Structures are given as C-alpha cells and as structure tokens.
N, C-alpha and C. Protein backbone atom coordinates (compact mmCIF):
# COMPACT_ATOMS: atom_id res chain seq x y z
N MET A 1 10.68 57.88 36.75
CA MET A 1 10.59 59.30 36.39
C MET A 1 10.44 60.16 37.63
N PRO A 2 10.82 61.43 37.57
CA PRO A 2 10.60 62.32 38.68
C PRO A 2 9.12 62.48 38.96
N ALA A 3 8.76 63.01 40.13
CA ALA A 3 7.37 63.15 40.52
C ALA A 3 6.60 63.97 39.50
N ALA A 4 7.15 65.09 39.05
CA ALA A 4 6.53 65.91 38.02
C ALA A 4 6.97 65.40 36.66
N SER A 5 6.01 65.27 35.74
CA SER A 5 6.35 64.75 34.41
C SER A 5 7.31 65.70 33.71
N PRO A 6 8.46 65.20 33.25
CA PRO A 6 9.43 66.08 32.59
C PRO A 6 8.95 66.50 31.22
N ASN A 7 9.36 67.69 30.81
CA ASN A 7 9.06 68.20 29.48
C ASN A 7 10.23 67.88 28.56
N ILE A 8 9.98 66.98 27.61
CA ILE A 8 11.02 66.51 26.71
C ILE A 8 10.79 67.10 25.32
N LEU A 9 11.83 67.66 24.74
CA LEU A 9 11.78 68.15 23.37
C LEU A 9 12.57 67.19 22.49
N VAL A 10 11.89 66.60 21.51
CA VAL A 10 12.52 65.65 20.58
C VAL A 10 12.74 66.35 19.25
N VAL A 11 14.01 66.49 18.85
CA VAL A 11 14.35 67.13 17.57
C VAL A 11 14.88 66.04 16.65
N GLU A 12 14.03 65.63 15.73
CA GLU A 12 14.33 64.50 14.84
C GLU A 12 13.61 64.73 13.51
N ASP A 13 14.36 64.65 12.41
CA ASP A 13 13.74 64.95 11.11
C ASP A 13 13.00 63.77 10.50
N ASP A 14 13.30 62.56 10.94
CA ASP A 14 12.58 61.40 10.43
C ASP A 14 11.24 61.27 11.14
N ARG A 15 10.14 61.41 10.38
CA ARG A 15 8.81 61.47 10.98
C ARG A 15 8.48 60.20 11.76
N GLU A 16 8.79 59.05 11.21
CA GLU A 16 8.45 57.80 11.88
C GLU A 16 9.21 57.66 13.20
N THR A 17 10.51 57.93 13.16
CA THR A 17 11.32 57.84 14.38
C THR A 17 10.84 58.84 15.42
N ARG A 18 10.56 60.06 14.97
CA ARG A 18 10.08 61.10 15.87
C ARG A 18 8.77 60.70 16.54
N SER A 19 7.85 60.14 15.75
CA SER A 19 6.54 59.74 16.29
C SER A 19 6.68 58.57 17.27
N LEU A 20 7.55 57.62 16.95
CA LEU A 20 7.73 56.46 17.83
C LEU A 20 8.32 56.89 19.18
N ILE A 21 9.32 57.77 19.13
CA ILE A 21 9.92 58.25 20.37
C ILE A 21 8.90 59.00 21.21
N ALA A 22 8.17 59.90 20.56
CA ALA A 22 7.18 60.71 21.28
C ALA A 22 6.10 59.83 21.91
N LYS A 23 5.61 58.85 21.16
CA LYS A 23 4.56 57.98 21.67
C LYS A 23 5.05 57.18 22.88
N TYR A 24 6.26 56.63 22.77
CA TYR A 24 6.79 55.82 23.87
C TYR A 24 6.98 56.66 25.12
N LEU A 25 7.53 57.85 24.97
CA LEU A 25 7.78 58.69 26.14
C LEU A 25 6.48 59.18 26.76
N ARG A 26 5.49 59.51 25.93
CA ARG A 26 4.19 59.92 26.47
C ARG A 26 3.53 58.79 27.24
N ASN A 27 3.73 57.57 26.77
CA ASN A 27 3.18 56.41 27.48
C ASN A 27 3.91 56.14 28.79
N ASN A 28 5.03 56.83 28.98
CA ASN A 28 5.81 56.67 30.21
C ASN A 28 5.90 57.99 30.98
N SER A 29 4.79 58.71 30.97
CA SER A 29 4.60 59.88 31.85
C SER A 29 5.49 61.07 31.51
N CYS A 30 5.84 61.23 30.25
CA CYS A 30 6.60 62.41 29.82
C CYS A 30 5.70 63.34 29.02
N ASN A 31 5.92 64.63 29.17
CA ASN A 31 5.31 65.62 28.29
C ASN A 31 6.27 65.83 27.13
N VAL A 32 5.80 65.61 25.91
CA VAL A 32 6.70 65.60 24.76
C VAL A 32 6.28 66.65 23.73
N THR A 33 7.26 67.44 23.29
CA THR A 33 7.12 68.35 22.17
C THR A 33 8.10 67.90 21.10
N THR A 34 7.72 67.99 19.84
CA THR A 34 8.60 67.53 18.77
C THR A 34 8.97 68.69 17.84
N ALA A 35 10.11 68.53 17.19
CA ALA A 35 10.58 69.51 16.21
C ALA A 35 11.30 68.78 15.10
N ASN A 36 11.23 69.35 13.90
CA ASN A 36 11.83 68.73 12.73
C ASN A 36 13.25 69.22 12.46
N ASP A 37 13.56 70.44 12.88
CA ASP A 37 14.86 71.01 12.61
C ASP A 37 15.21 72.07 13.64
N GLY A 38 16.32 72.76 13.43
CA GLY A 38 16.79 73.74 14.40
C GLY A 38 15.85 74.91 14.58
N ARG A 39 15.19 75.36 13.53
CA ARG A 39 14.27 76.49 13.66
C ARG A 39 13.08 76.12 14.53
N GLU A 40 12.50 74.95 14.28
CA GLU A 40 11.38 74.51 15.11
C GLU A 40 11.83 74.28 16.54
N MET A 41 13.04 73.79 16.73
CA MET A 41 13.58 73.60 18.07
C MET A 41 13.67 74.93 18.82
N ALA A 42 14.18 75.95 18.15
CA ALA A 42 14.32 77.26 18.79
C ALA A 42 12.96 77.82 19.20
N ARG A 43 11.95 77.67 18.33
CA ARG A 43 10.61 78.16 18.67
C ARG A 43 10.04 77.39 19.85
N ALA A 44 10.23 76.08 19.85
CA ALA A 44 9.70 75.26 20.94
C ALA A 44 10.36 75.62 22.27
N MET A 45 11.66 75.87 22.25
CA MET A 45 12.36 76.20 23.48
C MET A 45 12.00 77.60 23.97
N ALA A 46 11.59 78.47 23.03
CA ALA A 46 11.16 79.81 23.43
C ALA A 46 9.75 79.79 24.02
N ASP A 47 8.94 78.84 23.56
CA ASP A 47 7.53 78.80 23.97
C ASP A 47 7.27 77.92 25.18
N HIS A 48 8.14 76.94 25.45
CA HIS A 48 7.89 75.98 26.51
C HIS A 48 9.14 75.77 27.37
N ARG A 49 8.91 75.40 28.61
CA ARG A 49 10.04 74.97 29.45
C ARG A 49 10.47 73.59 28.98
N VAL A 50 11.75 73.41 28.78
CA VAL A 50 12.29 72.13 28.33
C VAL A 50 13.20 71.58 29.43
N ASP A 51 12.87 70.38 29.91
CA ASP A 51 13.67 69.76 30.96
C ASP A 51 14.79 68.89 30.38
N LEU A 52 14.58 68.41 29.15
CA LEU A 52 15.60 67.59 28.51
C LEU A 52 15.40 67.64 27.01
N LEU A 53 16.50 67.70 26.28
CA LEU A 53 16.48 67.80 24.82
C LEU A 53 17.06 66.53 24.22
N ILE A 54 16.27 65.89 23.33
CA ILE A 54 16.75 64.75 22.56
C ILE A 54 17.03 65.28 21.16
N LEU A 55 18.28 65.23 20.74
CA LEU A 55 18.71 65.94 19.54
C LEU A 55 19.41 65.00 18.56
N ASP A 56 18.82 64.88 17.37
CA ASP A 56 19.43 64.06 16.33
C ASP A 56 20.61 64.80 15.72
N VAL A 57 21.65 64.07 15.35
CA VAL A 57 22.83 64.70 14.76
C VAL A 57 22.56 65.13 13.32
N MET A 58 21.98 64.23 12.53
CA MET A 58 21.76 64.49 11.11
C MET A 58 20.42 65.17 10.91
N LEU A 59 20.44 66.50 10.82
CA LEU A 59 19.23 67.29 10.64
C LEU A 59 19.34 68.13 9.37
N PRO A 60 18.21 68.46 8.76
CA PRO A 60 18.27 69.38 7.62
C PRO A 60 18.69 70.77 8.07
N GLY A 61 19.47 71.45 7.25
CA GLY A 61 19.97 72.76 7.64
C GLY A 61 21.11 72.61 8.64
N GLU A 62 21.00 73.29 9.76
CA GLU A 62 22.04 73.23 10.78
C GLU A 62 22.03 71.87 11.46
N ASP A 63 23.20 71.24 11.56
CA ASP A 63 23.23 69.89 12.13
C ASP A 63 23.15 69.91 13.64
N GLY A 64 22.93 68.71 14.19
CA GLY A 64 22.72 68.59 15.62
C GLY A 64 23.90 68.98 16.47
N LEU A 65 25.12 68.75 15.97
CA LEU A 65 26.31 69.11 16.74
C LEU A 65 26.40 70.62 16.92
N SER A 66 26.12 71.35 15.84
CA SER A 66 26.15 72.81 15.92
C SER A 66 25.04 73.33 16.84
N LEU A 67 23.85 72.72 16.73
CA LEU A 67 22.74 73.12 17.59
C LEU A 67 23.05 72.82 19.05
N CYS A 68 23.70 71.69 19.29
CA CYS A 68 24.08 71.32 20.66
C CYS A 68 24.99 72.37 21.26
N ARG A 69 25.97 72.81 20.49
CA ARG A 69 26.91 73.83 20.98
C ARG A 69 26.18 75.13 21.28
N LYS A 70 25.26 75.54 20.42
CA LYS A 70 24.51 76.77 20.65
C LYS A 70 23.65 76.69 21.90
N VAL A 71 22.95 75.57 22.05
CA VAL A 71 22.10 75.40 23.23
C VAL A 71 22.95 75.44 24.49
N ARG A 72 24.09 74.75 24.47
CA ARG A 72 24.92 74.69 25.67
C ARG A 72 25.51 76.05 26.02
N ASN A 73 25.73 76.90 25.03
CA ASN A 73 26.24 78.24 25.32
C ASN A 73 25.21 79.11 26.01
N GLU A 74 23.94 78.76 25.87
CA GLU A 74 22.87 79.58 26.42
C GLU A 74 22.11 78.93 27.57
N SER A 75 22.25 77.63 27.73
CA SER A 75 21.42 76.92 28.70
C SER A 75 22.14 75.68 29.20
N GLN A 76 21.73 75.22 30.37
CA GLN A 76 22.25 73.98 30.95
C GLN A 76 21.26 72.84 30.83
N VAL A 77 20.26 72.98 29.93
CA VAL A 77 19.29 71.91 29.74
C VAL A 77 20.02 70.64 29.32
N PRO A 78 19.70 69.49 29.91
CA PRO A 78 20.37 68.24 29.53
C PRO A 78 20.09 67.89 28.07
N ILE A 79 21.10 67.33 27.41
CA ILE A 79 20.98 66.98 26.00
C ILE A 79 21.43 65.54 25.79
N ILE A 80 20.57 64.76 25.12
CA ILE A 80 20.93 63.41 24.68
C ILE A 80 20.97 63.43 23.17
N MET A 81 22.12 63.10 22.60
CA MET A 81 22.29 63.10 21.15
C MET A 81 21.92 61.74 20.58
N LEU A 82 21.28 61.75 19.39
CA LEU A 82 20.96 60.54 18.65
C LEU A 82 21.68 60.58 17.32
N THR A 83 22.17 59.43 16.86
CA THR A 83 22.83 59.40 15.56
C THR A 83 22.73 58.02 14.95
N ALA A 84 22.64 57.99 13.62
CA ALA A 84 22.66 56.73 12.90
C ALA A 84 24.09 56.24 12.70
N ARG A 85 25.04 57.12 12.99
CA ARG A 85 26.45 56.77 12.87
C ARG A 85 27.01 56.48 14.25
N GLY A 86 27.68 55.34 14.36
CA GLY A 86 28.16 54.93 15.68
C GLY A 86 29.64 55.12 15.89
N GLU A 87 30.29 55.92 15.02
CA GLU A 87 31.73 56.10 15.15
C GLU A 87 32.09 56.83 16.44
N ASP A 88 33.24 56.46 16.97
CA ASP A 88 33.69 57.09 18.21
C ASP A 88 33.83 58.59 18.07
N VAL A 89 34.28 59.05 16.88
CA VAL A 89 34.51 60.48 16.70
C VAL A 89 33.21 61.26 16.85
N ASP A 90 32.09 60.69 16.40
CA ASP A 90 30.80 61.37 16.55
C ASP A 90 30.41 61.49 18.01
N ARG A 91 30.59 60.41 18.75
CA ARG A 91 30.25 60.45 20.17
C ARG A 91 31.13 61.45 20.91
N ILE A 92 32.41 61.44 20.58
CA ILE A 92 33.34 62.36 21.24
C ILE A 92 32.99 63.80 20.93
N LEU A 93 32.69 64.09 19.66
CA LEU A 93 32.33 65.46 19.28
C LEU A 93 31.06 65.90 19.99
N GLY A 94 30.08 65.01 20.05
CA GLY A 94 28.83 65.36 20.73
C GLY A 94 29.05 65.70 22.19
N LEU A 95 29.85 64.89 22.87
CA LEU A 95 30.13 65.14 24.28
C LEU A 95 30.95 66.41 24.45
N GLU A 96 31.88 66.65 23.54
CA GLU A 96 32.69 67.87 23.62
C GLU A 96 31.85 69.12 23.37
N MET A 97 30.80 68.99 22.57
CA MET A 97 29.92 70.12 22.30
C MET A 97 28.98 70.42 23.46
N GLY A 98 28.93 69.51 24.44
CA GLY A 98 28.12 69.76 25.62
C GLY A 98 27.01 68.77 25.86
N ALA A 99 26.92 67.72 25.04
CA ALA A 99 25.88 66.71 25.26
C ALA A 99 26.15 65.96 26.57
N ASP A 100 25.05 65.54 27.21
CA ASP A 100 25.17 64.79 28.46
C ASP A 100 25.22 63.29 28.22
N ASP A 101 24.70 62.85 27.09
CA ASP A 101 24.71 61.42 26.77
C ASP A 101 24.57 61.28 25.26
N TYR A 102 24.82 60.07 24.78
CA TYR A 102 24.86 59.82 23.34
C TYR A 102 24.29 58.42 23.10
N LEU A 103 23.40 58.29 22.11
CA LEU A 103 22.78 57.00 21.83
C LEU A 103 22.76 56.78 20.32
N ALA A 104 23.30 55.63 19.89
CA ALA A 104 23.38 55.32 18.47
C ALA A 104 22.12 54.59 18.02
N LYS A 105 21.66 54.90 16.82
CA LYS A 105 20.53 54.21 16.23
C LYS A 105 21.03 52.94 15.53
N PRO A 106 20.17 51.91 15.47
CA PRO A 106 18.86 51.80 16.13
C PRO A 106 19.04 51.51 17.61
N PHE A 107 18.06 51.90 18.43
CA PHE A 107 18.16 51.69 19.87
C PHE A 107 16.82 51.19 20.40
N ASN A 108 16.90 50.56 21.55
CA ASN A 108 15.69 50.11 22.25
C ASN A 108 15.11 51.32 22.97
N PRO A 109 13.82 51.63 22.78
CA PRO A 109 13.25 52.79 23.46
C PRO A 109 13.35 52.71 24.97
N ARG A 110 13.42 51.51 25.51
CA ARG A 110 13.59 51.37 26.97
C ARG A 110 14.96 51.88 27.39
N GLU A 111 15.96 51.69 26.53
CA GLU A 111 17.28 52.22 26.85
C GLU A 111 17.27 53.74 26.82
N LEU A 112 16.57 54.31 25.84
CA LEU A 112 16.47 55.77 25.79
C LEU A 112 15.79 56.29 27.05
N LEU A 113 14.72 55.66 27.47
CA LEU A 113 14.03 56.09 28.68
C LEU A 113 14.94 55.96 29.90
N ALA A 114 15.71 54.87 29.96
CA ALA A 114 16.64 54.69 31.08
C ALA A 114 17.69 55.78 31.10
N ARG A 115 18.18 56.16 29.93
CA ARG A 115 19.18 57.22 29.86
C ARG A 115 18.57 58.57 30.23
N ILE A 116 17.33 58.80 29.82
CA ILE A 116 16.64 60.04 30.22
C ILE A 116 16.53 60.10 31.74
N ASN A 117 16.09 59.00 32.34
CA ASN A 117 15.98 58.96 33.81
C ASN A 117 17.31 59.25 34.48
N ALA A 118 18.38 58.63 33.96
CA ALA A 118 19.70 58.81 34.57
C ALA A 118 20.17 60.25 34.45
N VAL A 119 19.99 60.86 33.28
CA VAL A 119 20.43 62.24 33.08
C VAL A 119 19.63 63.19 33.98
N LEU A 120 18.32 62.96 34.09
CA LEU A 120 17.49 63.83 34.92
C LEU A 120 17.83 63.67 36.41
N ARG A 121 18.19 62.46 36.82
CA ARG A 121 18.61 62.26 38.21
C ARG A 121 19.90 63.01 38.50
N ARG A 122 20.84 62.94 37.56
CA ARG A 122 22.10 63.66 37.75
C ARG A 122 21.87 65.17 37.81
N GLN A 123 20.97 65.65 36.95
CA GLN A 123 20.69 67.08 36.94
C GLN A 123 20.04 67.50 38.25
N ALA A 124 19.11 66.69 38.75
CA ALA A 124 18.44 67.02 40.02
C ALA A 124 19.44 67.08 41.16
N ALA A 125 20.38 66.13 41.17
CA ALA A 125 21.41 66.13 42.22
C ALA A 125 22.29 67.36 42.11
N ALA A 126 22.63 67.74 40.88
CA ALA A 126 23.47 68.94 40.68
C ALA A 126 22.73 70.20 41.10
N GLN A 127 21.43 70.26 40.81
CA GLN A 127 20.66 71.44 41.19
C GLN A 127 20.53 71.55 42.70
N ASN A 128 20.41 70.40 43.38
CA ASN A 128 20.30 70.43 44.83
C ASN A 128 21.56 70.98 45.47
N ALA A 129 22.68 70.75 44.81
CA ALA A 129 23.96 71.24 45.36
C ALA A 129 24.39 72.56 44.77
N SER A 130 23.63 73.09 43.81
CA SER A 130 24.09 74.27 43.09
C SER A 130 24.19 75.50 43.98
N THR A 131 23.39 75.57 45.03
CA THR A 131 23.44 76.75 45.88
C THR A 131 24.77 76.85 46.61
N THR A 132 25.45 75.73 46.78
CA THR A 132 26.77 75.77 47.41
C THR A 132 27.88 75.63 46.38
N ASN A 133 27.69 74.69 45.42
CA ASN A 133 28.76 74.48 44.44
C ASN A 133 28.96 75.70 43.56
N GLY A 134 27.89 76.45 43.29
CA GLY A 134 28.01 77.60 42.43
C GLY A 134 28.33 78.87 43.18
N ALA A 135 28.35 78.81 44.49
CA ALA A 135 28.58 80.01 45.28
C ALA A 135 30.07 80.24 45.50
N ILE A 136 30.42 81.50 45.61
CA ILE A 136 31.80 81.86 45.96
C ILE A 136 32.00 81.71 47.46
N ALA A 137 30.95 82.00 48.24
CA ALA A 137 31.05 81.93 49.69
C ALA A 137 29.68 81.65 50.29
N LEU A 138 29.69 81.13 51.51
CA LEU A 138 28.47 80.90 52.26
C LEU A 138 28.61 81.52 53.64
N THR A 139 27.51 81.98 54.20
CA THR A 139 27.51 82.49 55.56
C THR A 139 26.51 81.72 56.39
N PHE A 140 26.83 81.49 57.65
CA PHE A 140 25.92 80.77 58.54
C PHE A 140 26.20 81.21 59.98
N GLN A 141 25.19 81.80 60.61
CA GLN A 141 25.28 82.27 62.00
C GLN A 141 26.51 83.15 62.22
N GLY A 142 26.78 84.02 61.26
CA GLY A 142 27.90 84.93 61.39
C GLY A 142 29.21 84.40 60.85
N TRP A 143 29.30 83.11 60.65
CA TRP A 143 30.50 82.51 60.09
C TRP A 143 30.46 82.66 58.57
N ARG A 144 31.63 82.70 57.94
CA ARG A 144 31.71 82.82 56.48
C ARG A 144 32.79 81.88 55.95
N ILE A 145 32.37 81.03 55.00
CA ILE A 145 33.32 80.15 54.35
C ILE A 145 33.46 80.60 52.89
N ASP A 146 34.69 80.88 52.48
CA ASP A 146 34.98 81.38 51.14
C ASP A 146 35.63 80.25 50.35
N PHE A 147 34.90 79.74 49.34
CA PHE A 147 35.41 78.61 48.56
C PHE A 147 36.53 79.04 47.61
N ARG A 148 36.52 80.30 47.21
CA ARG A 148 37.51 80.76 46.24
C ARG A 148 38.90 80.80 46.85
N VAL A 149 39.01 81.35 48.04
CA VAL A 149 40.32 81.46 48.69
C VAL A 149 40.51 80.41 49.77
N ARG A 150 39.50 79.53 49.92
CA ARG A 150 39.58 78.41 50.87
C ARG A 150 39.91 78.89 52.28
N GLU A 151 39.02 79.71 52.83
CA GLU A 151 39.22 80.18 54.20
C GLU A 151 37.90 80.26 54.93
N LEU A 152 37.98 80.17 56.24
CA LEU A 152 36.82 80.29 57.12
C LEU A 152 37.07 81.44 58.08
N ARG A 153 36.06 82.30 58.24
CA ARG A 153 36.15 83.42 59.18
C ARG A 153 35.02 83.32 60.19
N ASN A 154 35.37 83.63 61.46
CA ASN A 154 34.38 83.53 62.53
C ASN A 154 33.52 84.79 62.56
N PRO A 155 32.49 84.84 63.42
CA PRO A 155 31.61 86.02 63.46
C PRO A 155 32.32 87.34 63.72
N ALA A 156 33.50 87.29 64.34
CA ALA A 156 34.26 88.51 64.58
C ALA A 156 35.09 88.93 63.37
N GLY A 157 35.09 88.10 62.33
CA GLY A 157 35.84 88.42 61.13
C GLY A 157 37.25 87.86 61.11
N ALA A 158 37.64 87.15 62.16
CA ALA A 158 38.99 86.60 62.22
C ALA A 158 39.08 85.31 61.41
N ARG A 159 40.20 85.13 60.76
CA ARG A 159 40.42 83.93 59.95
C ARG A 159 40.69 82.74 60.86
N VAL A 160 40.03 81.63 60.58
CA VAL A 160 40.20 80.41 61.38
C VAL A 160 41.21 79.51 60.67
N ALA A 161 42.26 79.16 61.38
CA ALA A 161 43.29 78.29 60.81
C ALA A 161 42.72 76.89 60.60
N MET A 162 42.88 76.36 59.39
CA MET A 162 42.38 75.03 59.06
C MET A 162 43.36 74.33 58.14
N THR A 163 43.48 73.03 58.30
CA THR A 163 44.24 72.24 57.35
C THR A 163 43.40 72.07 56.09
N SER A 164 44.03 71.63 55.02
CA SER A 164 43.32 71.39 53.77
C SER A 164 42.24 70.33 53.95
N ALA A 165 42.56 69.29 54.70
CA ALA A 165 41.59 68.22 54.94
C ALA A 165 40.38 68.73 55.72
N GLU A 166 40.64 69.59 56.71
CA GLU A 166 39.55 70.15 57.51
C GLU A 166 38.64 71.04 56.67
N PHE A 167 39.25 71.83 55.77
CA PHE A 167 38.44 72.68 54.91
C PHE A 167 37.58 71.84 53.97
N ASP A 168 38.16 70.79 53.39
CA ASP A 168 37.41 69.91 52.49
C ASP A 168 36.25 69.25 53.23
N LEU A 169 36.49 68.88 54.48
CA LEU A 169 35.45 68.27 55.29
C LEU A 169 34.32 69.25 55.55
N LEU A 170 34.66 70.48 55.93
CA LEU A 170 33.65 71.49 56.19
C LEU A 170 32.85 71.80 54.93
N ARG A 171 33.51 71.89 53.80
CA ARG A 171 32.80 72.17 52.56
C ARG A 171 31.84 71.04 52.22
N ALA A 172 32.29 69.81 52.40
CA ALA A 172 31.42 68.66 52.11
C ALA A 172 30.16 68.70 52.97
N LEU A 173 30.31 69.08 54.24
CA LEU A 173 29.16 69.18 55.12
C LEU A 173 28.23 70.32 54.71
N CYS A 174 28.81 71.45 54.30
CA CYS A 174 28.00 72.59 53.87
C CYS A 174 27.22 72.27 52.60
N GLU A 175 27.79 71.42 51.74
CA GLU A 175 27.14 71.10 50.47
C GLU A 175 26.04 70.06 50.65
N ARG A 176 25.93 69.48 51.84
CA ARG A 176 24.90 68.47 52.10
C ARG A 176 24.17 68.81 53.40
N PRO A 177 23.55 69.98 53.47
CA PRO A 177 22.91 70.40 54.73
C PRO A 177 21.77 69.48 55.14
N GLY A 178 21.68 69.24 56.43
CA GLY A 178 20.58 68.45 56.96
C GLY A 178 20.69 66.96 56.73
N ARG A 179 21.84 66.50 56.25
CA ARG A 179 22.01 65.07 55.98
C ARG A 179 23.03 64.47 56.91
N VAL A 180 22.79 63.21 57.31
CA VAL A 180 23.75 62.47 58.11
C VAL A 180 24.69 61.76 57.15
N LEU A 181 25.98 62.05 57.26
CA LEU A 181 26.95 61.52 56.31
C LEU A 181 27.94 60.60 57.02
N SER A 182 28.23 59.48 56.37
CA SER A 182 29.25 58.58 56.91
C SER A 182 30.62 59.13 56.60
N ARG A 183 31.60 58.64 57.32
CA ARG A 183 32.97 59.07 57.08
C ARG A 183 33.38 58.75 55.64
N GLU A 184 32.97 57.55 55.15
CA GLU A 184 33.36 57.15 53.80
C GLU A 184 32.75 58.06 52.74
N SER A 185 31.52 58.52 52.97
CA SER A 185 30.87 59.37 51.97
C SER A 185 31.51 60.75 51.88
N LEU A 186 32.27 61.14 52.90
CA LEU A 186 32.92 62.43 52.89
C LEU A 186 34.26 62.42 52.16
N LEU A 187 34.74 61.24 51.83
CA LEU A 187 36.00 61.14 51.13
C LEU A 187 35.79 61.35 49.64
N SER A 188 36.63 62.17 49.01
CA SER A 188 36.61 62.31 47.56
C SER A 188 37.13 61.01 46.97
N PRO A 189 36.88 60.74 45.65
CA PRO A 189 37.41 59.51 45.04
C PRO A 189 38.91 59.37 45.24
N ARG A 190 39.65 60.49 45.09
CA ARG A 190 41.10 60.40 45.28
C ARG A 190 41.43 60.13 46.73
N ALA A 191 40.72 60.81 47.63
CA ALA A 191 40.99 60.60 49.04
C ALA A 191 40.60 59.19 49.47
N ALA A 192 39.55 58.66 48.83
CA ALA A 192 39.12 57.31 49.17
C ALA A 192 40.21 56.29 48.85
N MET A 193 40.90 56.52 47.72
CA MET A 193 42.00 55.63 47.38
C MET A 193 43.15 55.81 48.37
N GLN A 194 43.41 57.06 48.72
CA GLN A 194 44.50 57.31 49.65
C GLN A 194 44.18 56.76 51.04
N ALA A 195 42.90 56.75 51.38
CA ALA A 195 42.50 56.32 52.71
C ALA A 195 42.72 54.84 52.94
N ARG A 196 43.06 54.13 51.89
CA ARG A 196 43.37 52.72 52.07
C ARG A 196 44.64 52.55 52.89
N SER A 197 45.48 53.58 52.87
CA SER A 197 46.67 53.54 53.73
C SER A 197 46.28 54.00 55.12
N SER A 198 46.84 53.41 56.14
CA SER A 198 46.45 53.74 57.50
C SER A 198 46.77 55.18 57.85
N ALA A 199 47.86 55.73 57.29
CA ALA A 199 48.24 57.10 57.63
C ALA A 199 47.18 58.08 57.14
N ALA A 200 46.74 57.93 55.88
CA ALA A 200 45.73 58.84 55.35
C ALA A 200 44.42 58.68 56.10
N SER A 201 44.06 57.45 56.42
CA SER A 201 42.83 57.21 57.15
C SER A 201 42.86 57.87 58.51
N MET A 202 44.03 57.80 59.19
CA MET A 202 44.15 58.43 60.50
C MET A 202 44.03 59.94 60.40
N CYS A 203 44.58 60.54 59.31
CA CYS A 203 44.48 61.99 59.12
C CYS A 203 43.03 62.42 58.97
N TRP A 204 42.28 61.67 58.18
CA TRP A 204 40.87 62.02 57.99
C TRP A 204 40.09 61.82 59.28
N SER A 205 40.40 60.76 60.00
CA SER A 205 39.72 60.53 61.28
C SER A 205 40.00 61.66 62.25
N ALA A 206 41.26 62.11 62.28
CA ALA A 206 41.62 63.20 63.18
C ALA A 206 40.92 64.49 62.79
N ALA A 207 40.86 64.74 61.48
CA ALA A 207 40.18 65.96 61.02
C ALA A 207 38.71 65.91 61.36
N PHE A 208 38.10 64.76 61.18
CA PHE A 208 36.68 64.62 61.48
C PHE A 208 36.42 64.81 62.97
N ALA A 209 37.27 64.20 63.80
CA ALA A 209 37.10 64.32 65.24
C ALA A 209 37.32 65.76 65.71
N ALA A 210 38.34 66.40 65.14
CA ALA A 210 38.68 67.76 65.55
C ALA A 210 37.57 68.73 65.23
N ARG A 211 36.90 68.55 64.10
CA ARG A 211 35.86 69.48 63.69
C ARG A 211 34.49 69.11 64.24
N SER A 212 34.29 67.82 64.54
CA SER A 212 32.97 67.43 65.04
C SER A 212 32.84 67.66 66.54
N SER A 213 33.97 67.58 67.29
CA SER A 213 33.87 67.76 68.73
C SER A 213 33.43 69.16 69.13
N PRO A 214 33.90 70.26 68.51
CA PRO A 214 33.40 71.58 68.89
C PRO A 214 31.94 71.74 68.51
N ILE A 215 31.54 71.10 67.42
CA ILE A 215 30.14 71.20 67.01
C ILE A 215 29.24 70.58 68.05
N ARG A 216 29.67 69.46 68.63
CA ARG A 216 28.85 68.81 69.64
C ARG A 216 28.74 69.66 70.89
N ARG A 217 29.75 70.47 71.17
CA ARG A 217 29.72 71.27 72.39
C ARG A 217 28.96 72.59 72.21
N THR A 218 28.66 72.93 70.94
CA THR A 218 27.99 74.20 70.69
C THR A 218 26.56 74.15 71.21
N PRO A 219 26.16 75.06 72.12
CA PRO A 219 24.79 75.03 72.63
C PRO A 219 23.81 75.39 71.55
N ARG A 220 22.61 74.81 71.60
CA ARG A 220 21.55 75.11 70.63
C ARG A 220 20.88 76.42 70.97
C-alpha cells in the first residue's frame, strides 16, 4: 500500500459481501467507507476524499455501469467494478464506461487488494507525470517546449529545428525531471520494436548524442 492509507469507498448492496470487503481492507491499512446504493455513494463522495471506488454492477436503483459513467464524467478517481456475472460483455461495458479494472465474483480478497494496489500505483505514476503530460507547453530557463505544435523555442523566441526523434527524446526527458534514464527506457513501445533494426537504433543513438552533447557543455 502507499505510505498514506488510501480512502476506499465500497458500493455494494449485499451486506455480507460489503462487510467482508470492508473488514479485509481495514485489516490491510485502508480507510474504508461503505455505501449501499448510488445515493449513499454520492453522499459519501461529497463528504470524504475518495482515493479509489469499488463499485458493484448490480445495485438497487441506478446500476453500477451508469454510476461508473457519471463518476468518470466528473472525476478521475480510480474505479474497480465488481459483478456476479462474468460475461465478456459486462467487463467490456465496464471498461468502456471508465472503470480501471474489473473483478468477477466470487473472488479472493487478496486478489482484490492486489488489484487495488496496482490501480493506485498506476494512478500515482500518472499524477507524477501529469504536470507535463497534461500541459500544452513547458518553460525552463527561458526555453519553451510546446507539445501541441511540437516545437522548441530558445530564450530569444527563435524556433529550434528538431527532428521528430529529437523532439520525442526531449519530451521524454522533460516528463521525467531529475531522473537518470537509460537509452532503452526512452524508447516508446513502437520505437523499441523498430530499434531492433540497426538503422533505427543508430538514428536514436545519433539523436541522443546530438542532444546530450550540448547539454554537457552548458555551464552551470
């Protein structure tokens, strides 16, 4: 679990299942709030910070799929859907509505906890990068990189000519400030496949060398 105990909201109409989930998660360092239906869920989300939502599909009144869509339209809180039905169409619909994961009943509570951990780790990684991934542009020491139009301008405002590979490299470095990155970690999945060919690998090596050499010469 993360250092701070996550606040988990469990929306489940079956009292026994709801109690078992809440007890297990509390025993594993989670703060747990429970709700029986969509109305109780809305009140709980208005009253407390929710780090992750566990949402049953089959609920009285408004069903979990509809609630998932509403939550996703208003918030990026992670959602794990629960269902007694294991059909592919249910899982697909849940994911299309914005769920981050899907678990069919009956399930091992350890698996639920593992999925919660995985979803929260992914969210933490996304939040760490959100300042760059969600930005249209970044500025640093007078330089400006514009992700929308894919251009770099120097402190004088002049556009710096860059290849597509060089721009991708610069963006990758900007999105991971203060970290030492290997050449392999800078390759996108598609580029990693392409890099198996010597020509693509040489292009990336040249781009890395071309952009890293001026950085090394820059006085502190």
